[in-house]
């Protein structure tokens, strides 16, 4: 059975989603000495969007999570914290 996340995420920022999942990109990005501009170039995700993701103002979709994980040489599951993980 698949979870229906539409009640949590409608496309616009929903502050309740932060209670479900916290995105962890800042530390691995800094460990690899990547700027947001460089990560943007590696992922094709705008610098603004990456900044919003890091600051908890936007939730990435799965394609974005995959691109970020590839650029940071990580598994997608290591990019977030969740009580449901």
N, C-alpha and C. Protein backbone atom coordinates (compact mmCIF):
# COMPACT_ATOMS: atom_id res chain seq x y z
N UNK A 1 0.84 -1.18 0.00
CA UNK A 1 0.00 0.00 0.00
C UNK A 1 0.88 1.24 0.00
N UNK A 2 0.54 2.21 -0.83
CA UNK A 2 1.29 3.46 -0.92
C UNK A 2 0.67 4.51 -0.01
N UNK A 3 1.54 5.31 0.62
CA UNK A 3 1.04 6.41 1.45
C UNK A 3 0.61 7.56 0.57
N UNK A 4 -0.48 8.18 0.90
CA UNK A 4 -0.95 9.36 0.18
C UNK A 4 -0.40 10.59 0.88
N UNK A 5 0.65 11.18 0.28
CA UNK A 5 1.27 12.35 0.89
C UNK A 5 0.56 13.64 0.50
N UNK A 6 -0.46 13.55 -0.36
CA UNK A 6 -1.12 14.78 -0.81
C UNK A 6 -1.73 15.54 0.35
N UNK A 7 -2.11 14.84 1.40
CA UNK A 7 -2.67 15.57 2.54
C UNK A 7 -1.60 16.35 3.29
N UNK A 8 -0.33 15.97 3.09
CA UNK A 8 0.78 16.67 3.72
C UNK A 8 1.39 17.73 2.82
N UNK A 9 1.31 17.51 1.51
CA UNK A 9 2.02 18.39 0.59
C UNK A 9 1.13 18.73 -0.59
N UNK A 10 0.81 19.97 -0.73
CA UNK A 10 -0.10 20.39 -1.80
C UNK A 10 0.63 21.13 -2.92
N UNK A 11 1.95 21.15 -2.88
CA UNK A 11 2.72 21.89 -3.88
C UNK A 11 3.24 23.20 -3.32
N UNK A 12 2.51 23.79 -2.40
CA UNK A 12 2.96 24.99 -1.71
C UNK A 12 3.59 24.55 -0.39
N UNK A 13 4.36 25.43 0.20
CA UNK A 13 5.00 25.07 1.46
C UNK A 13 3.97 24.86 2.55
N UNK A 14 4.06 23.74 3.20
CA UNK A 14 3.19 23.41 4.32
C UNK A 14 4.07 23.22 5.55
N UNK A 15 3.99 24.09 6.54
CA UNK A 15 4.87 23.99 7.70
C UNK A 15 4.74 22.66 8.45
N UNK A 16 3.63 21.96 8.30
CA UNK A 16 3.46 20.68 8.98
C UNK A 16 4.37 19.60 8.42
N UNK A 17 4.82 19.74 7.18
CA UNK A 17 5.68 18.73 6.58
C UNK A 17 7.01 18.64 7.31
N UNK A 18 7.46 19.74 7.89
CA UNK A 18 8.74 19.74 8.61
C UNK A 18 8.68 18.77 9.78
N UNK A 19 7.52 18.59 10.36
CA UNK A 19 7.39 17.63 11.45
C UNK A 19 7.52 16.19 10.96
N UNK A 20 7.28 15.97 9.67
CA UNK A 20 7.34 14.64 9.10
C UNK A 20 8.75 14.31 8.62
N UNK A 21 9.40 15.28 7.98
CA UNK A 21 10.70 15.02 7.38
C UNK A 21 11.57 16.27 7.42
N UNK A 22 12.81 16.11 7.85
CA UNK A 22 13.78 17.21 7.86
C UNK A 22 14.85 16.88 6.83
N UNK A 23 15.08 17.79 5.89
CA UNK A 23 16.07 17.59 4.84
C UNK A 23 17.45 18.01 5.35
N UNK A 24 18.44 17.16 5.12
CA UNK A 24 19.79 17.38 5.65
C UNK A 24 20.80 17.54 4.51
N UNK A 25 20.82 18.69 3.87
CA UNK A 25 21.77 18.90 2.78
C UNK A 25 22.92 19.82 3.15
N UNK A 26 22.71 20.69 4.13
CA UNK A 26 23.72 21.70 4.44
C UNK A 26 25.05 21.07 4.83
N UNK A 27 25.06 20.17 5.80
CA UNK A 27 26.32 19.61 6.30
C UNK A 27 27.07 18.83 5.23
N UNK A 28 26.43 17.91 4.50
CA UNK A 28 27.21 17.20 3.47
C UNK A 28 27.70 18.13 2.35
N UNK A 29 26.93 19.15 2.05
CA UNK A 29 27.38 20.11 1.03
C UNK A 29 28.62 20.84 1.50
N UNK A 30 28.62 21.27 2.75
CA UNK A 30 29.79 21.97 3.28
C UNK A 30 30.98 21.03 3.46
N UNK A 31 30.72 19.79 3.84
CA UNK A 31 31.81 18.81 3.97
C UNK A 31 32.52 18.61 2.63
N UNK A 32 31.78 18.70 1.54
CA UNK A 32 32.35 18.53 0.21
C UNK A 32 32.79 19.86 -0.41
N UNK A 33 32.69 20.93 0.40
CA UNK A 33 33.10 22.28 -0.02
C UNK A 33 32.39 22.72 -1.31
N UNK A 34 31.10 22.45 -1.36
CA UNK A 34 30.28 22.85 -2.51
C UNK A 34 29.44 24.08 -2.15
N UNK A 35 29.47 25.07 -2.99
CA UNK A 35 28.57 26.22 -2.82
C UNK A 35 27.21 25.84 -3.38
N UNK A 36 26.22 26.64 -3.08
CA UNK A 36 24.90 26.42 -3.67
C UNK A 36 24.96 26.56 -5.19
N UNK A 37 25.80 27.46 -5.67
CA UNK A 37 25.95 27.65 -7.12
C UNK A 37 26.50 26.37 -7.75
N UNK A 38 27.51 25.78 -7.14
CA UNK A 38 28.11 24.55 -7.68
C UNK A 38 27.11 23.38 -7.59
N UNK A 39 26.41 23.26 -6.46
CA UNK A 39 25.42 22.20 -6.33
C UNK A 39 24.30 22.38 -7.35
N UNK A 40 23.94 23.61 -7.61
CA UNK A 40 22.94 23.91 -8.62
C UNK A 40 23.41 23.44 -10.00
N UNK A 41 24.67 23.70 -10.31
CA UNK A 41 25.22 23.28 -11.60
C UNK A 41 25.25 21.75 -11.72
N UNK A 42 25.54 21.08 -10.62
CA UNK A 42 25.60 19.61 -10.63
C UNK A 42 24.23 18.96 -10.72
N UNK A 43 23.21 19.63 -10.17
CA UNK A 43 21.89 19.01 -10.08
C UNK A 43 20.89 19.52 -11.10
N UNK A 44 21.11 20.73 -11.60
CA UNK A 44 20.11 21.35 -12.47
C UNK A 44 18.96 21.96 -11.69
N UNK A 45 19.10 22.02 -10.37
CA UNK A 45 18.10 22.64 -9.49
C UNK A 45 18.57 24.06 -9.20
N UNK A 46 17.67 25.02 -9.28
CA UNK A 46 18.10 26.41 -9.09
C UNK A 46 18.69 26.63 -7.70
N UNK A 47 19.59 27.60 -7.64
CA UNK A 47 20.21 27.97 -6.37
C UNK A 47 19.15 28.40 -5.36
N UNK A 48 18.16 29.12 -5.82
CA UNK A 48 17.08 29.58 -4.95
C UNK A 48 16.32 28.40 -4.35
N UNK A 49 16.00 27.42 -5.19
CA UNK A 49 15.28 26.24 -4.70
C UNK A 49 16.13 25.47 -3.71
N UNK A 50 17.41 25.28 -4.01
CA UNK A 50 18.29 24.58 -3.08
C UNK A 50 18.38 25.31 -1.74
N UNK A 51 18.46 26.62 -1.79
CA UNK A 51 18.50 27.42 -0.57
C UNK A 51 17.21 27.25 0.24
N UNK A 52 16.08 27.27 -0.43
CA UNK A 52 14.79 27.08 0.24
C UNK A 52 14.71 25.69 0.87
N UNK A 53 15.23 24.68 0.18
CA UNK A 53 15.24 23.31 0.72
C UNK A 53 16.10 23.27 1.98
N UNK A 54 17.30 23.83 1.91
CA UNK A 54 18.21 23.81 3.07
C UNK A 54 17.65 24.57 4.26
N UNK A 55 16.90 25.62 4.00
CA UNK A 55 16.34 26.43 5.09
C UNK A 55 14.99 25.93 5.58
N UNK A 56 14.52 24.82 5.03
CA UNK A 56 13.26 24.23 5.48
C UNK A 56 12.04 24.96 4.99
N UNK A 57 12.19 25.75 3.94
CA UNK A 57 11.06 26.49 3.40
C UNK A 57 10.42 25.81 2.19
N UNK A 58 11.02 24.70 1.76
CA UNK A 58 10.49 23.97 0.61
C UNK A 58 10.88 22.50 0.75
N UNK A 59 9.97 21.63 0.36
CA UNK A 59 10.25 20.20 0.36
C UNK A 59 10.61 19.78 -1.07
N UNK A 60 11.73 19.07 -1.23
CA UNK A 60 12.09 18.60 -2.56
C UNK A 60 11.22 17.42 -2.98
N UNK A 61 11.01 17.28 -4.28
CA UNK A 61 10.32 16.09 -4.76
C UNK A 61 11.37 14.97 -4.88
N UNK A 62 10.93 13.78 -5.23
CA UNK A 62 11.84 12.64 -5.28
C UNK A 62 12.92 12.79 -6.36
N UNK A 63 12.59 13.39 -7.48
CA UNK A 63 13.60 13.61 -8.52
C UNK A 63 14.68 14.55 -8.01
N UNK A 64 14.27 15.61 -7.32
CA UNK A 64 15.24 16.54 -6.74
C UNK A 64 16.10 15.84 -5.68
N UNK A 65 15.47 15.01 -4.85
CA UNK A 65 16.23 14.26 -3.84
C UNK A 65 17.27 13.36 -4.51
N UNK A 66 16.87 12.71 -5.60
CA UNK A 66 17.81 11.83 -6.31
C UNK A 66 18.98 12.63 -6.89
N UNK A 67 18.69 13.77 -7.50
CA UNK A 67 19.75 14.60 -8.08
C UNK A 67 20.70 15.12 -7.00
N UNK A 68 20.15 15.54 -5.88
CA UNK A 68 20.99 16.04 -4.77
C UNK A 68 21.84 14.90 -4.22
N UNK A 69 21.24 13.74 -4.02
CA UNK A 69 21.98 12.59 -3.49
C UNK A 69 23.12 12.21 -4.43
N UNK A 70 22.87 12.18 -5.73
CA UNK A 70 23.92 11.86 -6.70
C UNK A 70 25.04 12.88 -6.64
N UNK A 71 24.69 14.16 -6.59
CA UNK A 71 25.71 15.22 -6.58
C UNK A 71 26.56 15.16 -5.31
N UNK A 72 25.95 14.76 -4.19
CA UNK A 72 26.67 14.70 -2.92
C UNK A 72 27.25 13.31 -2.66
N UNK A 73 27.06 12.39 -3.62
CA UNK A 73 27.55 11.02 -3.50
C UNK A 73 27.03 10.37 -2.21
N UNK A 74 25.70 10.45 -2.05
CA UNK A 74 25.04 9.91 -0.86
C UNK A 74 23.83 9.10 -1.28
N UNK A 75 23.29 8.35 -0.34
CA UNK A 75 22.02 7.69 -0.56
C UNK A 75 20.90 8.66 -0.21
N UNK A 76 19.80 8.56 -0.91
CA UNK A 76 18.66 9.43 -0.64
C UNK A 76 18.25 9.32 0.83
N UNK A 77 18.28 8.14 1.36
CA UNK A 77 17.84 7.94 2.75
C UNK A 77 18.73 8.66 3.77
N UNK A 78 19.94 9.04 3.36
CA UNK A 78 20.82 9.79 4.26
C UNK A 78 20.60 11.30 4.17
N UNK A 79 19.72 11.73 3.27
CA UNK A 79 19.47 13.16 3.09
C UNK A 79 18.32 13.69 3.93
N UNK A 80 17.69 12.81 4.69
CA UNK A 80 16.57 13.30 5.50
C UNK A 80 16.47 12.56 6.82
N UNK A 81 15.83 13.19 7.76
CA UNK A 81 15.50 12.61 9.05
C UNK A 81 14.00 12.57 9.16
N UNK A 82 13.49 11.47 9.67
CA UNK A 82 12.05 11.34 9.85
C UNK A 82 11.80 10.30 10.92
N UNK A 83 10.76 10.51 11.68
CA UNK A 83 10.40 9.49 12.67
C UNK A 83 9.85 8.24 12.00
N UNK A 84 9.54 8.32 10.72
CA UNK A 84 9.01 7.18 9.97
C UNK A 84 10.08 6.48 9.16
N UNK A 85 11.32 6.91 9.26
CA UNK A 85 12.41 6.37 8.47
C UNK A 85 12.77 4.97 8.94
